[in-house]
Amino acid sequence: MSENAAPEGTWNITVKGPTGKEVTVLELQRDGDTLTGTQTGRGVSTPIENGKVEGNTVSWTQQVTKPMKLNVTFIGEITGNDIAGKVKVGMMSHKFSGSKDLG
């Protein structure tokens, strides 16, 4: 296993859902094994909740309000400047991927 992930920073995330690709921007801050920040998509920015990092694995939840109110859970693995994993929405699960904004 490689060194622990460096999740802090800005990530460009793409969720591959049933209605096509959904692009969001994830801003993360780290304090030990706790993640905080915001995720922005469809012109709405919401704080993430329950953010955690363990080794290369990161997870967080988000309360989405558009197109409808949903509780969304992300679990992913960071490899260098890339992230990939699953997002759970209710009983459904979709893939997501992204990369760190190095600019």
PDB file of N, CA and C in Angstrom:
ATOM      1  N   MET A   1       0.847  -1.191   0.000  1.00  0.00           N
ATOM      2  CA  MET A   1       0.000   0.000   0.000  1.00  0.00           C
ATOM      3  C   MET A   1       0.882   1.241   0.000  1.00  0.00           C
ATOM      4  N   SER A   2       0.479   2.249  -0.741  1.00  0.00           N
ATOM      5  CA  SER A   2       1.251   3.474  -0.828  1.00  0.00           C
ATOM      6  C   SER A   2       1.010   4.338   0.404  1.00  0.00           C
ATOM      7  N   GLU A   3       1.664   5.488   0.425  1.00  0.00           N
ATOM      8  CA  GLU A   3       1.477   6.415   1.533  1.00  0.00           C
ATOM      9  C   GLU A   3       0.024   6.866   1.609  1.00  0.00           C
ATOM     10  N   ASN A   4      -0.322   7.403   2.767  1.00  0.00           N
ATOM     11  CA  ASN A   4      -1.689   7.886   2.949  1.00  0.00           C
ATOM     12  C   ASN A   4      -2.049   8.955   1.929  1.00  0.00           C
ATOM     13  N   ALA A   5      -3.307   8.997   1.587  1.00  0.00           N
ATOM     14  CA  ALA A   5      -3.825   9.941   0.601  1.00  0.00           C
ATOM     15  C   ALA A   5      -3.694  11.372   1.111  1.00  0.00           C
ATOM     16  N   ALA A   6      -3.661  12.311   0.170  1.00  0.00           N
ATOM     17  CA  ALA A   6      -3.673  13.737   0.483  1.00  0.00           C
ATOM     18  C   ALA A   6      -4.967  14.323  -0.081  1.00  0.00           C
ATOM     19  N   PRO A   7      -6.073  14.185   0.659  1.00  0.00           N
ATOM     20  CA  PRO A   7      -7.372  14.592   0.120  1.00  0.00           C
ATOM     21  C   PRO A   7      -7.614  16.092   0.093  1.00  0.00           C
ATOM     22  N   GLU A   8      -6.871  16.859   0.881  1.00  0.00           N
ATOM     23  CA  GLU A   8      -7.156  18.286   0.961  1.00  0.00           C
ATOM     24  C   GLU A   8      -6.876  18.967  -0.375  1.00  0.00           C
ATOM     25  N   GLY A   9      -7.767  19.894  -0.720  1.00  0.00           N
ATOM     26  CA  GLY A   9      -7.649  20.602  -1.985  1.00  0.00           C
ATOM     27  C   GLY A   9      -8.956  20.595  -2.749  1.00  0.00           C
ATOM     28  N   THR A  10      -8.875  20.926  -4.038  1.00  0.00           N
ATOM     29  CA  THR A  10     -10.043  21.008  -4.908  1.00  0.00           C
ATOM     30  C   THR A  10     -10.043  19.821  -5.860  1.00  0.00           C
ATOM     31  N   TRP A  11     -11.186  19.146  -5.950  1.00  0.00           N
ATOM     32  CA  TRP A  11     -11.347  17.970  -6.806  1.00  0.00           C
ATOM     33  C   TRP A  11     -12.472  18.214  -7.802  1.00  0.00           C
ATOM     34  N   ASN A  12     -12.256  17.814  -9.039  1.00  0.00           N
ATOM     35  CA  ASN A  12     -13.300  17.844 -10.059  1.00  0.00           C
ATOM     36  C   ASN A  12     -13.870  16.431 -10.150  1.00  0.00           C
ATOM     37  N   ILE A  13     -15.114  16.267  -9.733  1.00  0.00           N
ATOM     38  CA  ILE A  13     -15.752  14.956  -9.598  1.00  0.00           C
ATOM     39  C   ILE A  13     -16.826  14.778 -10.669  1.00  0.00           C
ATOM     40  N   THR A  14     -16.869  13.593 -11.268  1.00  0.00           N
ATOM     41  CA  THR A  14     -17.922  13.243 -12.212  1.00  0.00           C
ATOM     42  C   THR A  14     -18.631  11.992 -11.717  1.00  0.00           C
ATOM     43  N   VAL A  15     -19.943  12.109 -11.496  1.00  0.00           N
ATOM     44  CA  VAL A  15     -20.773  10.970 -11.097  1.00  0.00           C
ATOM     45  C   VAL A  15     -21.454  10.435 -12.342  1.00  0.00           C
ATOM     46  N   LYS A  16     -21.360   9.129 -12.550  1.00  0.00           N
ATOM     47  CA  LYS A  16     -22.003   8.508 -13.707  1.00  0.00           C
ATOM     48  C   LYS A  16     -23.316   7.898 -13.241  1.00  0.00           C
ATOM     49  N   GLY A  17     -24.397   8.667 -13.342  1.00  0.00           N
ATOM     50  CA  GLY A  17     -25.706   8.232 -12.875  1.00  0.00           C
ATOM     51  C   GLY A  17     -26.626   7.831 -14.007  1.00  0.00           C
ATOM     52  N   PRO A  18     -27.852   7.474 -13.666  1.00  0.00           N
ATOM     53  CA  PRO A  18     -28.814   7.006 -14.668  1.00  0.00           C
ATOM     54  C   PRO A  18     -29.249   8.096 -15.646  1.00  0.00           C
ATOM     55  N   THR A  19     -29.085   9.354 -15.267  1.00  0.00           N
ATOM     56  CA  THR A  19     -29.484  10.444 -16.158  1.00  0.00           C
ATOM     57  C   THR A  19     -28.288  11.060 -16.865  1.00  0.00           C
ATOM     58  N   GLY A  20     -27.135  10.367 -16.831  1.00  0.00           N
ATOM     59  CA  GLY A  20     -25.934  10.881 -17.481  1.00  0.00           C
ATOM     60  C   GLY A  20     -24.911  11.328 -16.459  1.00  0.00           C
ATOM     61  N   LYS A  21     -23.928  12.058 -16.937  1.00  0.00           N
ATOM     62  CA  LYS A  21     -22.847  12.517 -16.071  1.00  0.00           C
ATOM     63  C   LYS A  21     -23.252  13.763 -15.303  1.00  0.00           C
ATOM     64  N   GLU A  22     -22.907  13.776 -14.041  1.00  0.00           N
ATOM     65  CA  GLU A  22     -23.147  14.923 -13.169  1.00  0.00           C
ATOM     66  C   GLU A  22     -21.783  15.397 -12.676  1.00  0.00           C
ATOM     67  N   VAL A  23     -21.436  16.634 -12.981  1.00  0.00           N
ATOM     68  CA  VAL A  23     -20.129  17.167 -12.622  1.00  0.00           C
ATOM     69  C   VAL A  23     -20.258  18.053 -11.390  1.00  0.00           C
ATOM     70  N   THR A  24     -19.365  17.832 -10.404  1.00  0.00           N
ATOM     71  CA  THR A  24     -19.346  18.653  -9.201  1.00  0.00           C
ATOM     72  C   THR A  24     -17.905  19.046  -8.888  1.00  0.00           C
ATOM     73  N   VAL A  25     -17.773  20.062  -8.060  1.00  0.00           N
ATOM     74  CA  VAL A  25     -16.466  20.481  -7.559  1.00  0.00           C
ATOM     75  C   VAL A  25     -16.475  20.262  -6.050  1.00  0.00           C
ATOM     76  N   LEU A  26     -15.489  19.523  -5.576  1.00  0.00           N
ATOM     77  CA  LEU A  26     -15.371  19.173  -4.167  1.00  0.00           C
ATOM     78  C   LEU A  26     -14.186  19.907  -3.570  1.00  0.00           C
ATOM     79  N   GLU A  27     -14.426  20.692  -2.527  1.00  0.00           N
ATOM     80  CA  GLU A  27     -13.366  21.407  -1.805  1.00  0.00           C
ATOM     81  C   GLU A  27     -13.198  20.716  -0.459  1.00  0.00           C
ATOM     82  N   LEU A  28     -12.002  20.178  -0.191  1.00  0.00           N
ATOM     83  CA  LEU A  28     -11.771  19.447   1.053  1.00  0.00           C
ATOM     84  C   LEU A  28     -10.688  20.083   1.910  1.00  0.00           C
ATOM     85  N   GLN A  29     -10.946  20.085   3.209  1.00  0.00           N
ATOM     86  CA  GLN A  29      -9.951  20.423   4.214  1.00  0.00           C
ATOM     87  C   GLN A  29      -9.813  19.208   5.120  1.00  0.00           C
ATOM     88  N   ARG A  30      -8.616  19.034   5.678  1.00  0.00           N
ATOM     89  CA  ARG A  30      -8.360  17.855   6.510  1.00  0.00           C
ATOM     90  C   ARG A  30      -7.841  18.271   7.875  1.00  0.00           C
ATOM     91  N   ASP A  31      -8.353  17.604   8.913  1.00  0.00           N
ATOM     92  CA  ASP A  31      -7.856  17.768  10.277  1.00  0.00           C
ATOM     93  C   ASP A  31      -7.716  16.369  10.843  1.00  0.00           C
ATOM     94  N   GLY A  32      -6.513  15.803  10.781  1.00  0.00           N
ATOM     95  CA  GLY A  32      -6.305  14.425  11.212  1.00  0.00           C
ATOM     96  C   GLY A  32      -7.026  13.472  10.272  1.00  0.00           C
ATOM     97  N   ASP A  33      -7.963  12.698  10.798  1.00  0.00           N
ATOM     98  CA  ASP A  33      -8.726  11.765   9.952  1.00  0.00           C
ATOM     99  C   ASP A  33     -10.126  12.290   9.632  1.00  0.00           C
ATOM    100  N   THR A  34     -10.348  13.600   9.867  1.00  0.00           N
ATOM    101  CA  THR A  34     -11.643  14.220   9.604  1.00  0.00           C
ATOM    102  C   THR A  34     -11.556  15.132   8.386  1.00  0.00           C
ATOM    103  N   LEU A  35     -12.551  15.018   7.501  1.00  0.00           N
ATOM    104  CA  LEU A  35     -12.642  15.878   6.328  1.00  0.00           C
ATOM    105  C   LEU A  35     -13.825  16.822   6.480  1.00  0.00           C
ATOM    106  N   THR A  36     -13.619  18.072   6.091  1.00  0.00           N
ATOM    107  CA  THR A  36     -14.705  19.048   6.007  1.00  0.00           C
ATOM    108  C   THR A  36     -14.589  19.726   4.655  1.00  0.00           C
ATOM    109  N   GLY A  37     -15.623  20.432   4.266  1.00  0.00           N
ATOM    110  CA  GLY A  37     -15.569  21.148   3.005  1.00  0.00           C
ATOM    111  C   GLY A  37     -16.938  21.320   2.393  1.00  0.00           C
ATOM    112  N   THR A  38     -16.945  21.623   1.085  1.00  0.00           N
ATOM    113  CA  THR A  38     -18.191  21.827   0.354  1.00  0.00           C
ATOM    114  C   THR A  38     -18.122  21.095  -0.980  1.00  0.00           C
ATOM    115  N   GLN A  39     -19.292  20.755  -1.484  1.00  0.00           N
ATOM    116  CA  GLN A  39     -19.405  20.172  -2.814  1.00  0.00           C
ATOM    117  C   GLN A  39     -20.422  21.000  -3.582  1.00  0.00           C
ATOM    118  N   THR A  40     -20.036  21.402  -4.803  1.00  0.00           N
ATOM    119  CA  THR A  40     -20.861  22.301  -5.603  1.00  0.00           C
ATOM    120  C   THR A  40     -21.247  21.634  -6.915  1.00  0.00           C
ATOM    121  N   GLY A  41     -22.535  21.653  -7.208  1.00  0.00           N
ATOM    122  CA  GLY A  41     -23.056  21.123  -8.458  1.00  0.00           C
ATOM    123  C   GLY A  41     -24.402  21.744  -8.750  1.00  0.00           C
ATOM    124  N   ARG A  42     -24.711  21.912 -10.020  1.00  0.00           N
ATOM    125  CA  ARG A  42     -25.975  22.534 -10.439  1.00  0.00           C
ATOM    126  C   ARG A  42     -26.169  23.907  -9.822  1.00  0.00           C
ATOM    127  N   GLY A  43     -25.061  24.612  -9.611  1.00  0.00           N
ATOM    128  CA  GLY A  43     -25.128  25.964  -9.073  1.00  0.00           C
ATOM    129  C   GLY A  43     -25.406  26.047  -7.592  1.00  0.00           C
ATOM    130  N   VAL A  44     -25.409  24.903  -6.898  1.00  0.00           N
ATOM    131  CA  VAL A  44     -25.687  24.877  -5.472  1.00  0.00           C
ATOM    132  C   VAL A  44     -24.477  24.307  -4.739  1.00  0.00           C
ATOM    133  N   SER A  45     -24.039  25.005  -3.706  1.00  0.00           N
ATOM    134  CA  SER A  45     -22.912  24.553  -2.890  1.00  0.00           C
ATOM    135  C   SER A  45     -23.430  24.137  -1.518  1.00  0.00           C
ATOM    136  N   THR A  46     -23.110  22.907  -1.106  1.00  0.00           N
ATOM    137  CA  THR A  46     -23.555  22.420   0.195  1.00  0.00           C
ATOM    138  C   THR A  46     -22.367  21.855   0.964  1.00  0.00           C
ATOM    139  N   PRO A  47     -22.395  21.980   2.294  1.00  0.00           N
ATOM    140  CA  PRO A  47     -21.304  21.422   3.087  1.00  0.00           C
ATOM    141  C   PRO A  47     -21.358  19.894   3.078  1.00  0.00           C
ATOM    142  N   ILE A  48     -20.178  19.287   3.133  1.00  0.00           N
ATOM    143  CA  ILE A  48     -20.147  17.832   3.286  1.00  0.00           C
ATOM    144  C   ILE A  48     -20.266  17.520   4.777  1.00  0.00           C
ATOM    145  N   GLU A  49     -20.704  16.305   5.073  1.00  0.00           N
ATOM    146  CA  GLU A  49     -20.861  15.867   6.451  1.00  0.00           C
ATOM    147  C   GLU A  49     -20.192  14.514   6.611  1.00  0.00           C
ATOM    148  N   ASN A  50     -19.854  14.157   7.837  1.00  0.00           N
ATOM    149  CA  ASN A  50     -19.294  12.844   8.171  1.00  0.00           C
ATOM    150  C   ASN A  50     -18.057  12.513   7.347  1.00  0.00           C
ATOM    151  N   GLY A  51     -17.250  13.525   7.015  1.00  0.00           N
ATOM    152  CA  GLY A  51     -16.062  13.301   6.206  1.00  0.00           C
ATOM    153  C   GLY A  51     -14.971  12.576   6.974  1.00  0.00           C
ATOM    154  N   LYS A  52     -14.428  11.527   6.362  1.00  0.00           N
ATOM    155  CA  LYS A  52     -13.396  10.726   7.008  1.00  0.00           C
ATOM    156  C   LYS A  52     -12.336  10.328   5.998  1.00  0.00           C
ATOM    157  N   VAL A  53     -11.121  10.149   6.496  1.00  0.00           N
ATOM    158  CA  VAL A  53     -10.041   9.605   5.677  1.00  0.00           C
ATOM    159  C   VAL A  53      -9.358   8.507   6.485  1.00  0.00           C
ATOM    160  N   GLU A  54      -9.138   7.377   5.827  1.00  0.00           N
ATOM    161  CA  GLU A  54      -8.455   6.250   6.456  1.00  0.00           C
ATOM    162  C   GLU A  54      -7.541   5.640   5.402  1.00  0.00           C
ATOM    163  N   GLY A  55      -6.231   5.893   5.555  1.00  0.00           N
ATOM    164  CA  GLY A  55      -5.296   5.446   4.531  1.00  0.00           C
ATOM    165  C   GLY A  55      -5.579   6.179   3.233  1.00  0.00           C
ATOM    166  N   ASN A  56      -5.862   5.435   2.170  1.00  0.00           N
ATOM    167  CA  ASN A  56      -6.189   6.042   0.870  1.00  0.00           C
ATOM    168  C   ASN A  56      -7.690   6.135   0.641  1.00  0.00           C
ATOM    169  N   THR A  57      -8.496   5.714   1.615  1.00  0.00           N
ATOM    170  CA  THR A  57      -9.947   5.721   1.468  1.00  0.00           C
ATOM    171  C   THR A  57     -10.544   6.972   2.101  1.00  0.00           C
ATOM    172  N   VAL A  58     -11.435   7.620   1.354  1.00  0.00           N
ATOM    173  CA  VAL A  58     -12.139   8.795   1.857  1.00  0.00           C
ATOM    174  C   VAL A  58     -13.641   8.553   1.739  1.00  0.00           C
ATOM    175  N   SER A  59     -14.397   9.178   2.631  1.00  0.00           N
ATOM    176  CA  SER A  59     -15.857   9.068   2.562  1.00  0.00           C
ATOM    177  C   SER A  59     -16.475  10.340   3.113  1.00  0.00           C
ATOM    178  N   TRP A  60     -17.658  10.651   2.600  1.00  0.00           N
ATOM    179  CA  TRP A  60     -18.408  11.808   3.074  1.00  0.00           C
ATOM    180  C   TRP A  60     -19.857  11.664   2.634  1.00  0.00           C
ATOM    181  N   THR A  61     -20.728  12.419   3.285  1.00  0.00           N
ATOM    182  CA  THR A  61     -22.127  12.476   2.877  1.00  0.00           C
ATOM    183  C   THR A  61     -22.454  13.917   2.512  1.00  0.00           C
ATOM    184  N   GLN A  62     -23.498  14.038   1.712  1.00  0.00           N
ATOM    185  CA  GLN A  62     -23.935  15.357   1.259  1.00  0.00           C
ATOM    186  C   GLN A  62     -25.449  15.353   1.162  1.00  0.00           C
ATOM    187  N   GLN A  63     -26.049  16.446   1.572  1.00  0.00           N
ATOM    188  CA  GLN A  63     -27.487  16.631   1.433  1.00  0.00           C
ATOM    189  C   GLN A  63     -27.735  17.403   0.137  1.00  0.00           C
ATOM    190  N   VAL A  64     -28.154  16.713  -0.911  1.00  0.00           N
ATOM    191  CA  VAL A  64     -28.412  17.334  -2.208  1.00  0.00           C
ATOM    192  C   VAL A  64     -29.833  17.889  -2.218  1.00  0.00           C
ATOM    193  N   THR A  65     -30.010  19.078  -2.823  1.00  0.00           N
ATOM    194  CA  THR A  65     -31.349  19.672  -2.881  1.00  0.00           C
ATOM    195  C   THR A  65     -31.889  19.758  -4.302  1.00  0.00           C
ATOM    196  N   LYS A  66     -31.007  19.626  -5.328  1.00  0.00           N
ATOM    197  CA  LYS A  66     -31.458  19.658  -6.727  1.00  0.00           C
ATOM    198  C   LYS A  66     -30.959  18.414  -7.431  1.00  0.00           C
ATOM    199  N   PRO A  67     -31.710  17.759  -8.258  1.00  0.00           N
ATOM    200  CA  PRO A  67     -33.070  18.111  -8.667  1.00  0.00           C
ATOM    201  C   PRO A  67     -34.120  17.781  -7.609  1.00  0.00           C
ATOM    202  N   MET A  68     -33.724  16.991  -6.577  1.00  0.00           N
ATOM    203  CA  MET A  68     -34.640  16.692  -5.473  1.00  0.00           C
ATOM    204  C   MET A  68     -33.813  16.517  -4.215  1.00  0.00           C
ATOM    205  N   LYS A  69     -34.467  16.495  -3.060  1.00  0.00           N
ATOM    206  CA  LYS A  69     -33.743  16.312  -1.813  1.00  0.00           C
ATOM    207  C   LYS A  69     -33.303  14.858  -1.672  1.00  0.00           C
ATOM    208  N   LEU A  70     -32.000  14.670  -1.505  1.00  0.00           N
ATOM    209  CA  LEU A  70     -31.425  13.334  -1.378  1.00  0.00           C
ATOM    210  C   LEU A  70     -30.266  13.363  -0.401  1.00  0.00           C
ATOM    211  N   ASN A  71     -30.063  12.250   0.301  1.00  0.00           N
ATOM    212  CA  ASN A  71     -28.877  12.059   1.115  1.00  0.00           C
ATOM    213  C   ASN A  71     -27.937  11.178   0.298  1.00  0.00           C
ATOM    214  N   VAL A  72     -26.759  11.681  -0.012  1.00  0.00           N
ATOM    215  CA  VAL A  72     -25.824  11.004  -0.903  1.00  0.00           C
ATOM    216  C   VAL A  72     -24.556  10.660  -0.130  1.00  0.00           C
ATOM    217  N   THR A  73     -24.080   9.414  -0.251  1.00  0.00           N
ATOM    218  CA  THR A  73     -22.863   8.976   0.426  1.00  0.00           C
ATOM    219  C   THR A  73     -21.805   8.599  -0.603  1.00  0.00           C
ATOM    220  N   PHE A  74     -20.626   9.199  -0.475  1.00  0.00           N
ATOM    221  CA  PHE A  74     -19.487   8.921  -1.350  1.00  0.00           C
ATOM    222  C   PHE A  74     -18.449   8.101  -0.593  1.00  0.00           C
ATOM    223  N   ILE A  75     -17.922   7.057  -1.225  1.00  0.00           N
ATOM    224  CA  ILE A  75     -16.783   6.302  -0.694  1.00  0.00           C
ATOM    225  C   ILE A  75     -15.829   6.079  -1.851  1.00  0.00           C
ATOM    226  N   GLY A  76     -14.606   6.577  -1.703  1.00  0.00           N
ATOM    227  CA  GLY A  76     -13.658   6.475  -2.798  1.00  0.00           C
ATOM    228  C   GLY A  76     -12.251   6.216  -2.330  1.00  0.00           C
ATOM    229  N   GLU A  77     -11.403   5.912  -3.292  1.00  0.00           N
ATOM    230  CA  GLU A  77     -10.000   5.687  -3.016  1.00  0.00           C
ATOM    231  C   GLU A  77      -9.166   6.668  -3.823  1.00  0.00           C
ATOM    232  N   ILE A  78      -8.218   7.298  -3.144  1.00  0.00           N
ATOM    233  CA  ILE A  78      -7.335   8.256  -3.792  1.00  0.00           C
ATOM    234  C   ILE A  78      -6.049   7.546  -4.198  1.00  0.00           C
ATOM    235  N   THR A  79      -5.671   7.733  -5.462  1.00  0.00           N
ATOM    236  CA  THR A  79      -4.398   7.239  -5.978  1.00  0.00           C
ATOM    237  C   THR A  79      -3.699   8.430  -6.612  1.00  0.00           C
ATOM    238  N   GLY A  80      -2.705   8.963  -5.927  1.00  0.00           N
ATOM    239  CA  GLY A  80      -2.023  10.160  -6.425  1.00  0.00           C
ATOM    240  C   GLY A  80      -2.983  11.323  -6.489  1.00  0.00           C
ATOM    241  N   ASN A  81      -3.201  11.845  -7.703  1.00  0.00           N
ATOM    242  CA  ASN A  81      -4.116  12.977  -7.898  1.00  0.00           C
ATOM    243  C   ASN A  81      -5.439  12.553  -8.504  1.00  0.00           C
ATOM    244  N   ASP A  82      -5.763  11.257  -8.407  1.00  0.00           N
ATOM    245  CA  ASP A  82      -7.026  10.731  -8.923  1.00  0.00           C
ATOM    246  C   ASP A  82      -7.839  10.121  -7.797  1.00  0.00           C
ATOM    247  N   ILE A  83      -9.147  10.137  -7.982  1.00  0.00           N
ATOM    248  CA  ILE A  83     -10.061   9.526  -7.026  1.00  0.00           C
ATOM    249  C   ILE A  83     -11.112   8.749  -7.810  1.00  0.00           C
ATOM    250  N   ALA A  84     -11.525   7.624  -7.263  1.00  0.00           N
ATOM    251  CA  ALA A  84     -12.580   6.825  -7.893  1.00  0.00           C
ATOM    252  C   ALA A  84     -13.290   6.041  -6.807  1.00  0.00           C
ATOM    253  N   GLY A  85     -14.587   5.804  -7.020  1.00  0.00           N
ATOM    254  CA  GLY A  85     -15.335   5.036  -6.044  1.00  0.00           C
ATOM    255  C   GLY A  85     -16.799   4.951  -6.401  1.00  0.00           C
ATOM    256  N   LYS A  86     -17.609   4.800  -5.357  1.00  0.00           N
ATOM    257  CA  LYS A  86     -19.047   4.651  -5.527  1.00  0.00           C
ATOM    258  C   LYS A  86     -19.771   5.728  -4.737  1.00  0.00           C
ATOM    259  N   VAL A  87     -20.890   6.123  -5.282  1.00  0.00           N
ATOM    260  CA  VAL A  87     -21.783   7.053  -4.596  1.00  0.00           C
ATOM    261  C   VAL A  87     -23.114   6.328  -4.412  1.00  0.00           C
ATOM    262  N   LYS A  88     -23.602   6.336  -3.178  1.00  0.00           N
ATOM    263  CA  LYS A  88     -24.850   5.653  -2.875  1.00  0.00           C
ATOM    264  C   LYS A  88     -25.952   6.686  -2.699  1.00  0.00           C
ATOM    265  N   VAL A  89     -27.036   6.472  -3.450  1.00  0.00           N
ATOM    266  CA  VAL A  89     -28.202   7.347  -3.385  1.00  0.00           C
ATOM    267  C   VAL A  89     -29.389   6.443  -3.108  1.00  0.00           C
ATOM    268  N   GLY A  90     -29.873   6.457  -1.872  1.00  0.00           N
ATOM    269  CA  GLY A  90     -30.963   5.547  -1.516  1.00  0.00           C
ATOM    270  C   GLY A  90     -30.523   4.103  -1.698  1.00  0.00           C
ATOM    271  N   MET A  91     -31.280   3.347  -2.473  1.00  0.00           N
ATOM    272  CA  MET A  91     -30.959   1.944  -2.720  1.00  0.00           C
ATOM    273  C   MET A  91     -30.041   1.760  -3.925  1.00  0.00           C
ATOM    274  N   MET A  92     -29.754   2.829  -4.647  1.00  0.00           N
ATOM    275  CA  MET A  92     -28.939   2.746  -5.862  1.00  0.00           C
ATOM    276  C   MET A  92     -27.488   3.132  -5.576  1.00  0.00           C
ATOM    277  N   SER A  93     -26.590   2.596  -6.395  1.00  0.00           N
ATOM    278  CA  SER A  93     -25.179   2.914  -6.291  1.00  0.00           C
ATOM    279  C   SER A  93     -24.648   3.227  -7.684  1.00  0.00           C
ATOM    280  N   HIS A  94     -23.849   4.285  -7.788  1.00  0.00           N
ATOM    281  CA  HIS A  94     -23.277   4.708  -9.065  1.00  0.00           C
ATOM    282  C   HIS A  94     -21.776   4.902  -8.887  1.00  0.00           C
ATOM    283  N   LYS A  95     -21.060   4.885  -9.992  1.00  0.00           N
ATOM    284  CA  LYS A  95     -19.618   5.117  -9.956  1.00  0.00           C
ATOM    285  C   LYS A  95     -19.333   6.603 -10.053  1.00  0.00           C
ATOM    286  N   PHE A  96     -18.234   7.015  -9.394  1.00  0.00           N
ATOM    287  CA  PHE A  96     -17.737   8.375  -9.591  1.00  0.00           C
ATOM    288  C   PHE A  96     -16.228   8.331  -9.748  1.00  0.00           C
ATOM    289  N   SER A  97     -15.719   9.347 -10.401  1.00  0.00           N
ATOM    290  CA  SER A  97     -14.268   9.478 -10.551  1.00  0.00           C
ATOM    291  C   SER A  97     -13.937  10.958 -10.603  1.00  0.00           C
ATOM    292  N   GLY A  98     -12.664  11.263 -10.446  1.00  0.00           N
ATOM    293  CA  GLY A  98     -12.278  12.650 -10.507  1.00  0.00           C
ATOM    294  C   GLY A  98     -10.783  12.824 -10.389  1.00  0.00           C
ATOM    295  N   SER A  99     -10.379  14.077 -10.445  1.00  0.00           N
ATOM    296  CA  SER A  99      -8.966  14.400 -10.319  1.00  0.00           C
ATOM    297  C   SER A  99      -8.804  15.700  -9.549  1.00  0.00           C
ATOM    298  N   LYS A 100      -7.648  15.800  -8.923  1.00  0.00           N
ATOM    299  CA  LYS A 100      -7.335  16.985  -8.127  1.00  0.00           C
ATOM    300  C   LYS A 100      -7.000  18.131  -9.065  1.00  0.00           C
ATOM    301  N   ASP A 101      -7.506  19.310  -8.743  1.00  0.00           N
ATOM    302  CA  ASP A 101      -7.202  20.524  -9.499  1.00  0.00           C
ATOM    303  C   ASP A 101      -5.858  21.020  -9.015  1.00  0.00           C
ATOM    304  N   LEU A 102      -4.832  20.893  -9.850  1.00  0.00           N
ATOM    305  CA  LEU A 102      -3.481  21.264  -9.456  1.00  0.00           C
ATOM    306  C   LEU A 102      -3.145  22.695  -9.817  1.00  0.00           C
ATOM    307  N   GLY A 103      -4.111  23.403 -10.432  1.00  0.00           N
ATOM    308  CA  GLY A 103      -3.877  24.793 -10.841  1.00  0.00           C
ATOM    309  C   GLY A 103      -4.023  25.689  -9.690  1.00  0.00           C
TER     310      GLY A 103
END
